[in-house]
Amino acid sequence: LRASHHSLPAASHSVDRALVVSMRAGGAVGLFVETISFIAISLVF
């Protein structure tokens, strides 16, 4: 949701800015999911 909201004003400046917002949001989600999975299992064990 945050990426969707902020990619619109970013696109008013340039397509590159909108892509940066989208890519960083996707990277943040991927990193969060992967790391929280391993940390959770490590804590349980």
All heavy atoms as atom14 arrays in JSON, in Angstrom:
{
  "sequence": "LRASHHSLPAASHSVDRALVVSMRAGGAVGLFVETISFIAISLVF",
  "atom14_mask": [
    [1, 1, 1, 1, 1, 1, 1, 1, 0, 0, 0, 0, 0, 0],
    [1, 1, 1, 1, 1, 1, 1, 1, 1, 1, 1, 0, 0, 0],
    [1, 1, 1, 1, 1, 0, 0, 0, 0, 0, 0, 0, 0, 0],
    [1, 1, 1, 1, 1, 1, 0, 0, 0, 0, 0, 0, 0, 0],
    [1, 1, 1, 1, 1, 1, 1, 1, 1, 1, 0, 0, 0, 0],
    [1, 1, 1, 1, 1, 1, 1, 1, 1, 1, 0, 0, 0, 0],
    [1, 1, 1, 1, 1, 1, 0, 0, 0, 0, 0, 0, 0, 0],
    [1, 1, 1, 1, 1, 1, 1, 1, 0, 0, 0, 0, 0, 0],
    [1, 1, 1, 1, 1, 1, 1, 0, 0, 0, 0, 0, 0, 0],
    [1, 1, 1, 1, 1, 0, 0, 0, 0, 0, 0, 0, 0, 0],
    [1, 1, 1, 1, 1, 0, 0, 0, 0, 0, 0, 0, 0, 0],
    [1, 1, 1, 1, 1, 1, 0, 0, 0, 0, 0, 0, 0, 0],
    [1, 1, 1, 1, 1, 1, 1, 1, 1, 1, 0, 0, 0, 0],
    [1, 1, 1, 1, 1, 1, 0, 0, 0, 0, 0, 0, 0, 0],
    [1, 1, 1, 1, 1, 1, 1, 0, 0, 0, 0, 0, 0, 0],
    [1, 1, 1, 1, 1, 1, 1, 1, 0, 0, 0, 0, 0, 0],
    [1, 1, 1, 1, 1, 1, 1, 1, 1, 1, 1, 0, 0, 0],
    [1, 1, 1, 1, 1, 0, 0, 0, 0, 0, 0, 0, 0, 0],
    [1, 1, 1, 1, 1, 1, 1, 1, 0, 0, 0, 0, 0, 0],
    [1, 1, 1, 1, 1, 1, 1, 0, 0, 0, 0, 0, 0, 0],
    [1, 1, 1, 1, 1, 1, 1, 0, 0, 0, 0, 0, 0, 0],
    [1, 1, 1, 1, 1, 1, 0, 0, 0, 0, 0, 0, 0, 0],
    [1, 1, 1, 1, 1, 1, 1, 1, 0, 0, 0, 0, 0, 0],
    [1, 1, 1, 1, 1, 1, 1, 1, 1, 1, 1, 0, 0, 0],
    [1, 1, 1, 1, 1, 0, 0, 0, 0, 0, 0, 0, 0, 0],
    [1, 1, 1, 1, 0, 0, 0, 0, 0, 0, 0, 0, 0, 0],
    [1, 1, 1, 1, 0, 0, 0, 0, 0, 0, 0, 0, 0, 0],
    [1, 1, 1, 1, 1, 0, 0, 0, 0, 0, 0, 0, 0, 0],
    [1, 1, 1, 1, 1, 1, 1, 0, 0, 0, 0, 0, 0, 0],
    [1, 1, 1, 1, 0, 0, 0, 0, 0, 0, 0, 0, 0, 0],
    [1, 1, 1, 1, 1, 1, 1, 1, 0, 0, 0, 0, 0, 0],
    [1, 1, 1, 1, 1, 1, 1, 1, 1, 1, 1, 0, 0, 0],
    [1, 1, 1, 1, 1, 1, 1, 0, 0, 0, 0, 0, 0, 0],
    [1, 1, 1, 1, 1, 1, 1, 1, 1, 0, 0, 0, 0, 0],
    [1, 1, 1, 1, 1, 1, 1, 0, 0, 0, 0, 0, 0, 0],
    [1, 1, 1, 1, 1, 1, 1, 1, 0, 0, 0, 0, 0, 0],
    [1, 1, 1, 1, 1, 1, 0, 0, 0, 0, 0, 0, 0, 0],
    [1, 1, 1, 1, 1, 1, 1, 1, 1, 1, 1, 0, 0, 0],
    [1, 1, 1, 1, 1, 1, 1, 1, 0, 0, 0, 0, 0, 0],
    [1, 1, 1, 1, 1, 0, 0, 0, 0, 0, 0, 0, 0, 0],
    [1, 1, 1, 1, 1, 1, 1, 1, 0, 0, 0, 0, 0, 0],
    [1, 1, 1, 1, 1, 1, 0, 0, 0, 0, 0, 0, 0, 0],
    [1, 1, 1, 1, 1, 1, 1, 1, 0, 0, 0, 0, 0, 0],
    [1, 1, 1, 1, 1, 1, 1, 0, 0, 0, 0, 0, 0, 0],
    [1, 1, 1, 1, 1, 1, 1, 1, 1, 1, 1, 0, 0, 0]
  ],
  "atom14_positions": [
    [[0.82, -1.21, 0.0], [0.0, 0.0, 0.0], [0.86, 1.26, 0.0], [0.59, 2.22, -0.74], [-0.93, -0.01, 1.21], [-2.09, -0.99, 1.18], [-2.75, -1.08, 2.55], [-3.11, -0.58, 0.14], [0.0, 0.0, 0.0], [0.0, 0.0, 0.0], [0.0, 0.0, 0.0], [0.0, 0.0, 0.0], [0.0, 0.0, 0.0], [0.0, 0.0, 0.0]],
    [[1.89, 1.25, 0.83], [2.76, 2.42, 0.89], [3.47, 2.64, -0.44], [3.6, 3.79, -0.9], [3.78, 2.24, 2.02], [4.65, 3.46, 2.25], [5.63, 3.24, 3.39], [4.95, 3.02, 4.67], [5.59, 2.84, 5.81], [6.92, 2.83, 5.83], [4.92, 2.66, 6.93], [0.0, 0.0, 0.0], [0.0, 0.0, 0.0], [0.0, 0.0, 0.0]],
    [[3.92, 1.55, -1.06], [4.59, 1.69, -2.36], [3.63, 2.21, -3.41], [4.0, 3.04, -4.25], [5.17, 0.34, -2.78], [0.0, 0.0, 0.0], [0.0, 0.0, 0.0], [0.0, 0.0, 0.0], [0.0, 0.0, 0.0], [0.0, 0.0, 0.0], [0.0, 0.0, 0.0], [0.0, 0.0, 0.0], [0.0, 0.0, 0.0], [0.0, 0.0, 0.0]],
    [[2.37, 1.73, -3.37], [1.38, 2.21, -4.35], [1.12, 3.71, -4.19], [1.03, 4.45, -5.17], [0.08, 1.42, -4.18], [0.28, 0.05, -4.41], [0.0, 0.0, 0.0], [0.0, 0.0, 0.0], [0.0, 0.0, 0.0], [0.0, 0.0, 0.0], [0.0, 0.0, 0.0], [0.0, 0.0, 0.0], [0.0, 0.0, 0.0], [0.0, 0.0, 0.0]],
    [[0.99, 4.14, -2.93], [0.72, 5.56, -2.68], [1.86, 6.45, -3.14], [1.64, 7.51, -3.75], [0.46, 5.78, -1.2], [-0.72, 5.01, -0.68], [-0.93, 4.78, 0.66], [-1.74, 4.4, -1.33], [-2.03, 4.05, 0.8], [-2.54, 3.81, -0.38], [0.0, 0.0, 0.0], [0.0, 0.0, 0.0], [0.0, 0.0, 0.0], [0.0, 0.0, 0.0]],
    [[3.09, 6.03, -2.85], [4.23, 6.9, -3.12], [4.79, 6.74, -4.53], [5.59, 7.58, -4.96], [5.34, 6.63, -2.09], [5.0, 7.09, -0.7], [5.18, 8.39, -0.28], [4.45, 6.45, 0.35], [4.78, 8.52, 0.97], [4.33, 7.36, 1.38], [0.0, 0.0, 0.0], [0.0, 0.0, 0.0], [0.0, 0.0, 0.0], [0.0, 0.0, 0.0]],
    [[4.41, 5.68, -5.24], [4.88, 5.56, -6.62], [4.17, 6.55, -7.54], [4.73, 6.94, -8.58], [4.66, 4.13, -7.12], [3.29, 3.79, -7.13], [0.0, 0.0, 0.0], [0.0, 0.0, 0.0], [0.0, 0.0, 0.0], [0.0, 0.0, 0.0], [0.0, 0.0, 0.0], [0.0, 0.0, 0.0], [0.0, 0.0, 0.0], [0.0, 0.0, 0.0]],
    [[2.96, 6.98, -7.16], [2.24, 7.94, -8.01], [2.91, 9.31, -8.02], [3.19, 9.85, -9.11], [0.79, 8.04, -7.53], [-0.06, 6.79, -7.77], [-1.46, 6.98, -7.2], [-0.13, 6.46, -9.25], [0.0, 0.0, 0.0], [0.0, 0.0, 0.0], [0.0, 0.0, 0.0], [0.0, 0.0, 0.0], [0.0, 0.0, 0.0], [0.0, 0.0, 0.0]],
    [[3.19, 9.93, -6.87], [3.92, 11.22, -6.95], [5.33, 11.04, -7.49], [5.86, 11.97, -8.12], [3.93, 11.71, -5.49], [3.68, 10.51, -4.66], [2.81, 9.61, -5.48], [0.0, 0.0, 0.0], [0.0, 0.0, 0.0], [0.0, 0.0, 0.0], [0.0, 0.0, 0.0], [0.0, 0.0, 0.0], [0.0, 0.0, 0.0], [0.0, 0.0, 0.0]],
    [[5.93, 9.88, -7.26], [7.27, 9.66, -7.81], [7.22, 9.59, -9.34], [8.13, 10.08, -10.02], [7.87, 8.37, -7.25], [0.0, 0.0, 0.0], [0.0, 0.0, 0.0], [0.0, 0.0, 0.0], [0.0, 0.0, 0.0], [0.0, 0.0, 0.0], [0.0, 0.0, 0.0], [0.0, 0.0, 0.0], [0.0, 0.0, 0.0], [0.0, 0.0, 0.0]],
    [[6.16, 8.99, -9.88], [6.03, 8.9, -11.34], [5.82, 10.26, -11.98], [6.09, 10.43, -13.17], [4.88, 7.97, -11.69], [0.0, 0.0, 0.0], [0.0, 0.0, 0.0], [0.0, 0.0, 0.0], [0.0, 0.0, 0.0], [0.0, 0.0, 0.0], [0.0, 0.0, 0.0], [0.0, 0.0, 0.0], [0.0, 0.0, 0.0], [0.0, 0.0, 0.0]],
    [[5.32, 11.24, -11.21], [5.15, 12.58, -11.77], [6.49, 13.24, -12.05], [6.56, 14.17, -12.86], [4.34, 13.44, -10.79], [5.04, 13.62, -9.57], [0.0, 0.0, 0.0], [0.0, 0.0, 0.0], [0.0, 0.0, 0.0], [0.0, 0.0, 0.0], [0.0, 0.0, 0.0], [0.0, 0.0, 0.0], [0.0, 0.0, 0.0], [0.0, 0.0, 0.0]],
    [[7.55, 12.78, -11.39], [8.9, 13.3, -11.65], [9.57, 12.5, -12.77], [10.1, 13.08, -13.71], [9.74, 13.24, -10.38], [9.25, 14.13, -9.29], [9.52, 15.47, -9.24], [8.49, 13.87, -8.19], [8.96, 16.02, -8.16], [8.32, 15.06, -7.51], [0.0, 0.0, 0.0], [0.0, 0.0, 0.0], [0.0, 0.0, 0.0], [0.0, 0.0, 0.0]],
    [[9.56, 11.17, -12.65], [10.17, 10.33, -13.67], [9.75, 8.89, -13.44], [9.35, 8.5, -12.34], [11.7, 10.44, -13.65], [12.22, 9.88, -12.45], [0.0, 0.0, 0.0], [0.0, 0.0, 0.0], [0.0, 0.0, 0.0], [0.0, 0.0, 0.0], [0.0, 0.0, 0.0], [0.0, 0.0, 0.0], [0.0, 0.0, 0.0], [0.0, 0.0, 0.0]],
    [[9.84, 8.1, -14.52], [9.53, 6.67, -14.41], [10.56, 5.98, -13.52], [10.23, 5.04, -12.78], [9.5, 6.04, -15.81], [9.27, 4.53, -15.72], [8.42, 6.67, -16.66], [0.0, 0.0, 0.0], [0.0, 0.0, 0.0], [0.0, 0.0, 0.0], [0.0, 0.0, 0.0], [0.0, 0.0, 0.0], [0.0, 0.0, 0.0], [0.0, 0.0, 0.0]],
    [[11.8, 6.45, -13.57], [12.85, 5.83, -12.77], [12.53, 5.91, -11.27], [12.74, 4.95, -10.53], [14.2, 6.48, -13.04], [14.73, 6.13, -14.42], [14.24, 5.13, -14.98], [15.61, 6.85, -14.93], [0.0, 0.0, 0.0], [0.0, 0.0, 0.0], [0.0, 0.0, 0.0], [0.0, 0.0, 0.0], [0.0, 0.0, 0.0], [0.0, 0.0, 0.0]],
    [[12.02, 7.05, -10.83], [11.69, 7.19, -9.41], [10.57, 6.23, -9.01], [10.61, 5.61, -7.94], [11.26, 8.62, -9.11], [12.41, 9.61, -9.07], [11.96, 10.89, -8.39], [13.01, 11.89, -8.35], [12.91, 13.06, -7.72], [11.78, 13.38, -7.09], [13.9, 13.92, -7.73], [0.0, 0.0, 0.0], [0.0, 0.0, 0.0], [0.0, 0.0, 0.0]],
    [[9.58, 6.08, -9.87], [8.5, 5.15, -9.56], [9.01, 3.72, -9.51], [8.6, 2.93, -8.64], [7.39, 5.28, -10.61], [0.0, 0.0, 0.0], [0.0, 0.0, 0.0], [0.0, 0.0, 0.0], [0.0, 0.0, 0.0], [0.0, 0.0, 0.0], [0.0, 0.0, 0.0], [0.0, 0.0, 0.0], [0.0, 0.0, 0.0], [0.0, 0.0, 0.0]],
    [[9.92, 3.37, -10.4], [10.49, 2.02, -10.39], [11.34, 1.79, -9.15], [11.35, 0.69, -8.59], [11.32, 1.79, -11.65], [10.54, 1.67, -12.96], [11.49, 1.55, -14.14], [9.59, 0.49, -12.92], [0.0, 0.0, 0.0], [0.0, 0.0, 0.0], [0.0, 0.0, 0.0], [0.0, 0.0, 0.0], [0.0, 0.0, 0.0], [0.0, 0.0, 0.0]],
    [[12.05, 2.82, -8.72], [12.86, 2.69, -7.5], [11.97, 2.41, -6.3], [12.28, 1.54, -5.47], [13.69, 3.97, -7.29], [14.28, 4.0, -5.88], [14.82, 4.04, -8.31], [0.0, 0.0, 0.0], [0.0, 0.0, 0.0], [0.0, 0.0, 0.0], [0.0, 0.0, 0.0], [0.0, 0.0, 0.0], [0.0, 0.0, 0.0], [0.0, 0.0, 0.0]],
    [[10.86, 3.13, -6.2], [9.93, 2.9, -5.09], [9.41, 1.47, -5.12], [9.38, 0.77, -4.1], [8.77, 3.91, -5.15], [7.7, 3.55, -4.12], [9.28, 5.32, -4.91], [0.0, 0.0, 0.0], [0.0, 0.0, 0.0], [0.0, 0.0, 0.0], [0.0, 0.0, 0.0], [0.0, 0.0, 0.0], [0.0, 0.0, 0.0], [0.0, 0.0, 0.0]],
    [[8.99, 1.02, -6.3], [8.43, -0.33, -6.42], [9.47, -1.39, -6.12], [9.18, -2.37, -5.4], [7.86, -0.52, -7.83], [6.88, 0.44, -8.11], [0.0, 0.0, 0.0], [0.0, 0.0, 0.0], [0.0, 0.0, 0.0], [0.0, 0.0, 0.0], [0.0, 0.0, 0.0], [0.0, 0.0, 0.0], [0.0, 0.0, 0.0], [0.0, 0.0, 0.0]],
    [[10.66, -1.24, -6.65], [11.7, -2.25, -6.45], [12.14, -2.31, -4.99], [12.36, -3.4, -4.44], [12.9, -1.95, -7.35], [12.62, -2.15, -8.83], [12.22, -3.88, -9.23], [13.8, -4.66, -8.86], [0.0, 0.0, 0.0], [0.0, 0.0, 0.0], [0.0, 0.0, 0.0], [0.0, 0.0, 0.0], [0.0, 0.0, 0.0], [0.0, 0.0, 0.0]],
    [[12.25, -1.16, -4.35], [12.66, -1.17, -2.95], [11.58, -1.75, -2.06], [11.87, -2.43, -1.07], [13.03, 0.24, -2.51], [14.32, 0.73, -3.15], [14.81, 2.04, -2.57], [16.06, 2.46, -3.17], [16.76, 3.52, -2.81], [16.29, 4.33, -1.86], [17.9, 3.84, -3.4], [0.0, 0.0, 0.0], [0.0, 0.0, 0.0], [0.0, 0.0, 0.0]],
    [[10.33, -1.51, -2.41], [9.24, -2.12, -1.63], [9.25, -3.63, -1.79], [9.12, -4.37, -0.8], [7.9, -1.55, -2.09], [0.0, 0.0, 0.0], [0.0, 0.0, 0.0], [0.0, 0.0, 0.0], [0.0, 0.0, 0.0], [0.0, 0.0, 0.0], [0.0, 0.0, 0.0], [0.0, 0.0, 0.0], [0.0, 0.0, 0.0], [0.0, 0.0, 0.0]],
    [[9.42, -4.1, -3.01], [9.51, -5.54, -3.22], [10.71, -6.16, -2.53], [10.62, -7.25, -1.95], [0.0, 0.0, 0.0], [0.0, 0.0, 0.0], [0.0, 0.0, 0.0], [0.0, 0.0, 0.0], [0.0, 0.0, 0.0], [0.0, 0.0, 0.0], [0.0, 0.0, 0.0], [0.0, 0.0, 0.0], [0.0, 0.0, 0.0], [0.0, 0.0, 0.0]],
    [[11.84, -5.48, -2.58], [13.02, -5.98, -1.87], [12.84, -6.02, -0.37], [13.27, -6.96, 0.29], [0.0, 0.0, 0.0], [0.0, 0.0, 0.0], [0.0, 0.0, 0.0], [0.0, 0.0, 0.0], [0.0, 0.0, 0.0], [0.0, 0.0, 0.0], [0.0, 0.0, 0.0], [0.0, 0.0, 0.0], [0.0, 0.0, 0.0], [0.0, 0.0, 0.0]],
    [[12.16, -5.0, 0.17], [11.91, -4.98, 1.61], [11.02, -6.14, 2.02], [11.26, -6.8, 3.04], [11.26, -3.65, 2.01], [0.0, 0.0, 0.0], [0.0, 0.0, 0.0], [0.0, 0.0, 0.0], [0.0, 0.0, 0.0], [0.0, 0.0, 0.0], [0.0, 0.0, 0.0], [0.0, 0.0, 0.0], [0.0, 0.0, 0.0], [0.0, 0.0, 0.0]],
    [[9.97, -6.43, 1.23], [9.07, -7.54, 1.56], [9.82, -8.87, 1.47], [9.71, -9.72, 2.36], [7.86, -7.54, 0.61], [7.03, -8.81, 0.81], [7.01, -6.31, 0.84], [0.0, 0.0, 0.0], [0.0, 0.0, 0.0], [0.0, 0.0, 0.0], [0.0, 0.0, 0.0], [0.0, 0.0, 0.0], [0.0, 0.0, 0.0], [0.0, 0.0, 0.0]],
    [[10.58, -9.06, 0.39], [11.31, -10.32, 0.24], [12.31, -10.54, 1.35], [12.41, -11.65, 1.9], [0.0, 0.0, 0.0], [0.0, 0.0, 0.0], [0.0, 0.0, 0.0], [0.0, 0.0, 0.0], [0.0, 0.0, 0.0], [0.0, 0.0, 0.0], [0.0, 0.0, 0.0], [0.0, 0.0, 0.0], [0.0, 0.0, 0.0], [0.0, 0.0, 0.0]],
    [[13.07, -9.51, 1.7], [14.04, -9.64, 2.78], [13.37, -9.9, 4.12], [13.81, -10.75, 4.9], [14.89, -8.36, 2.87], [16.13, -8.29, 2.0], [16.79, -6.92, 2.14], [17.13, -9.38, 2.38], [0.0, 0.0, 0.0], [0.0, 0.0, 0.0], [0.0, 0.0, 0.0], [0.0, 0.0, 0.0], [0.0, 0.0, 0.0], [0.0, 0.0, 0.0]],
    [[12.27, -9.2, 4.37], [11.57, -9.38, 5.64], [11.05, -10.8, 5.77], [11.21, -11.44, 6.82], [10.41, -8.39, 5.73], [9.61, -8.53, 7.0], [10.04, -7.93, 8.17], [8.43, -9.25, 7.02], [9.32, -8.06, 9.35], [7.69, -9.37, 8.19], [8.14, -8.78, 9.35], [0.0, 0.0, 0.0], [0.0, 0.0, 0.0], [0.0, 0.0, 0.0]],
    [[10.44, -11.32, 4.72], [9.87, -12.67, 4.78], [10.96, -13.71, 5.0], [10.84, -14.6, 5.85], [9.08, -12.96, 3.49], [8.65, -14.43, 3.45], [7.86, -12.06, 3.4], [0.0, 0.0, 0.0], [0.0, 0.0, 0.0], [0.0, 0.0, 0.0], [0.0, 0.0, 0.0], [0.0, 0.0, 0.0], [0.0, 0.0, 0.0], [0.0, 0.0, 0.0]],
    [[12.02, -13.63, 4.22], [13.08, -14.63, 4.31], [13.77, -14.6, 5.67], [14.01, -15.65, 6.29], [14.11, -14.39, 3.2], [15.23, -15.41, 3.14], [14.75, -16.78, 2.71], [13.79, -16.85, 1.93], [15.35, -17.78, 3.16], [0.0, 0.0, 0.0], [0.0, 0.0, 0.0], [0.0, 0.0, 0.0], [0.0, 0.0, 0.0], [0.0, 0.0, 0.0]],
    [[14.08, -13.41, 6.14], [14.81, -13.32, 7.41], [13.94, -13.66, 8.6], [14.38, -14.33, 9.54], [15.39, -11.9, 7.58], [14.33, -10.93, 7.48], [16.43, -11.61, 6.51], [0.0, 0.0, 0.0], [0.0, 0.0, 0.0], [0.0, 0.0, 0.0], [0.0, 0.0, 0.0], [0.0, 0.0, 0.0], [0.0, 0.0, 0.0], [0.0, 0.0, 0.0]],
    [[12.68, -13.22, 8.59], [11.81, -13.5, 9.74], [11.51, -14.99, 9.82], [11.3, -15.53, 10.92], [10.5, -12.67, 9.65], [9.89, -12.47, 11.04], [9.5, -13.32, 8.76], [10.67, -11.59, 11.94], [0.0, 0.0, 0.0], [0.0, 0.0, 0.0], [0.0, 0.0, 0.0], [0.0, 0.0, 0.0], [0.0, 0.0, 0.0], [0.0, 0.0, 0.0]],
    [[11.49, -15.68, 8.69], [11.27, -17.13, 8.7], [12.42, -17.84, 9.41], [12.19, -18.67, 10.3], [11.13, -17.64, 7.26], [11.11, -19.05, 7.24], [0.0, 0.0, 0.0], [0.0, 0.0, 0.0], [0.0, 0.0, 0.0], [0.0, 0.0, 0.0], [0.0, 0.0, 0.0], [0.0, 0.0, 0.0], [0.0, 0.0, 0.0], [0.0, 0.0, 0.0]],
    [[13.65, -17.52, 9.03], [14.79, -18.19, 9.66], [14.92, -17.82, 11.13], [15.2, -18.69, 11.97], [16.07, -17.82, 8.91], [17.3, -18.5, 9.46], [17.63, -19.77, 9.05], [18.11, -17.86, 10.39], [18.76, -20.4, 9.56], [19.22, -18.48, 10.9], [19.56, -19.76, 10.49], [0.0, 0.0, 0.0], [0.0, 0.0, 0.0], [0.0, 0.0, 0.0]],
    [[14.71, -16.56, 11.45], [14.84, -16.13, 12.84], [13.78, -16.81, 13.71], [14.06, -17.23, 14.84], [14.73, -14.6, 12.92], [15.97, -13.95, 12.28], [14.6, -14.14, 14.38], [15.88, -12.44, 12.18], [0.0, 0.0, 0.0], [0.0, 0.0, 0.0], [0.0, 0.0, 0.0], [0.0, 0.0, 0.0], [0.0, 0.0, 0.0], [0.0, 0.0, 0.0]],
    [[12.56, -16.94, 13.21], [11.49, -17.58, 13.98], [11.82, -19.04, 14.26], [11.66, -19.53, 15.39], [10.16, -17.46, 13.25], [0.0, 0.0, 0.0], [0.0, 0.0, 0.0], [0.0, 0.0, 0.0], [0.0, 0.0, 0.0], [0.0, 0.0, 0.0], [0.0, 0.0, 0.0], [0.0, 0.0, 0.0], [0.0, 0.0, 0.0], [0.0, 0.0, 0.0]],
    [[12.28, -19.75, 13.24], [12.64, -21.16, 13.43], [13.81, -21.28, 14.38], [13.84, -22.18, 15.25], [12.94, -21.81, 12.08], [11.67, -21.86, 11.23], [13.5, -23.21, 12.25], [11.89, -22.36, 9.83], [0.0, 0.0, 0.0], [0.0, 0.0, 0.0], [0.0, 0.0, 0.0], [0.0, 0.0, 0.0], [0.0, 0.0, 0.0], [0.0, 0.0, 0.0]],
    [[14.8, -20.42, 14.25], [15.96, -20.46, 15.15], [15.55, -20.22, 16.6], [16.07, -20.87, 17.51], [16.99, -19.42, 14.71], [17.43, -19.68, 13.39], [0.0, 0.0, 0.0], [0.0, 0.0, 0.0], [0.0, 0.0, 0.0], [0.0, 0.0, 0.0], [0.0, 0.0, 0.0], [0.0, 0.0, 0.0], [0.0, 0.0, 0.0], [0.0, 0.0, 0.0]],
    [[14.62, -19.29, 16.8], [14.17, -19.02, 18.17], [13.4, -20.2, 18.75], [13.59, -20.56, 19.91], [13.3, -17.76, 18.18], [14.03, -16.43, 17.96], [13.03, -15.28, 17.93], [15.06, -16.2, 19.06], [0.0, 0.0, 0.0], [0.0, 0.0, 0.0], [0.0, 0.0, 0.0], [0.0, 0.0, 0.0], [0.0, 0.0, 0.0], [0.0, 0.0, 0.0]],
    [[12.53, -20.81, 17.95], [11.78, -21.97, 18.44], [12.73, -23.09, 18.83], [12.6, -23.7, 19.9], [10.78, -22.45, 17.36], [10.16, -23.79, 17.76], [9.68, -21.42, 17.16], [0.0, 0.0, 0.0], [0.0, 0.0, 0.0], [0.0, 0.0, 0.0], [0.0, 0.0, 0.0], [0.0, 0.0, 0.0], [0.0, 0.0, 0.0], [0.0, 0.0, 0.0]],
    [[13.7, -23.37, 17.97], [14.64, -24.44, 18.26], [15.6, -24.06, 19.38], [15.8, -24.82, 20.34], [15.44, -24.78, 16.99], [16.46, -25.86, 17.2], [16.11, -27.2, 17.06], [17.77, -25.55, 17.54], [17.05, -28.2, 17.27], [18.71, -26.54, 17.73], [18.35, -27.87, 17.6], [0.0, 0.0, 0.0], [0.0, 0.0, 0.0], [0.0, 0.0, 0.0]]
  ]
}
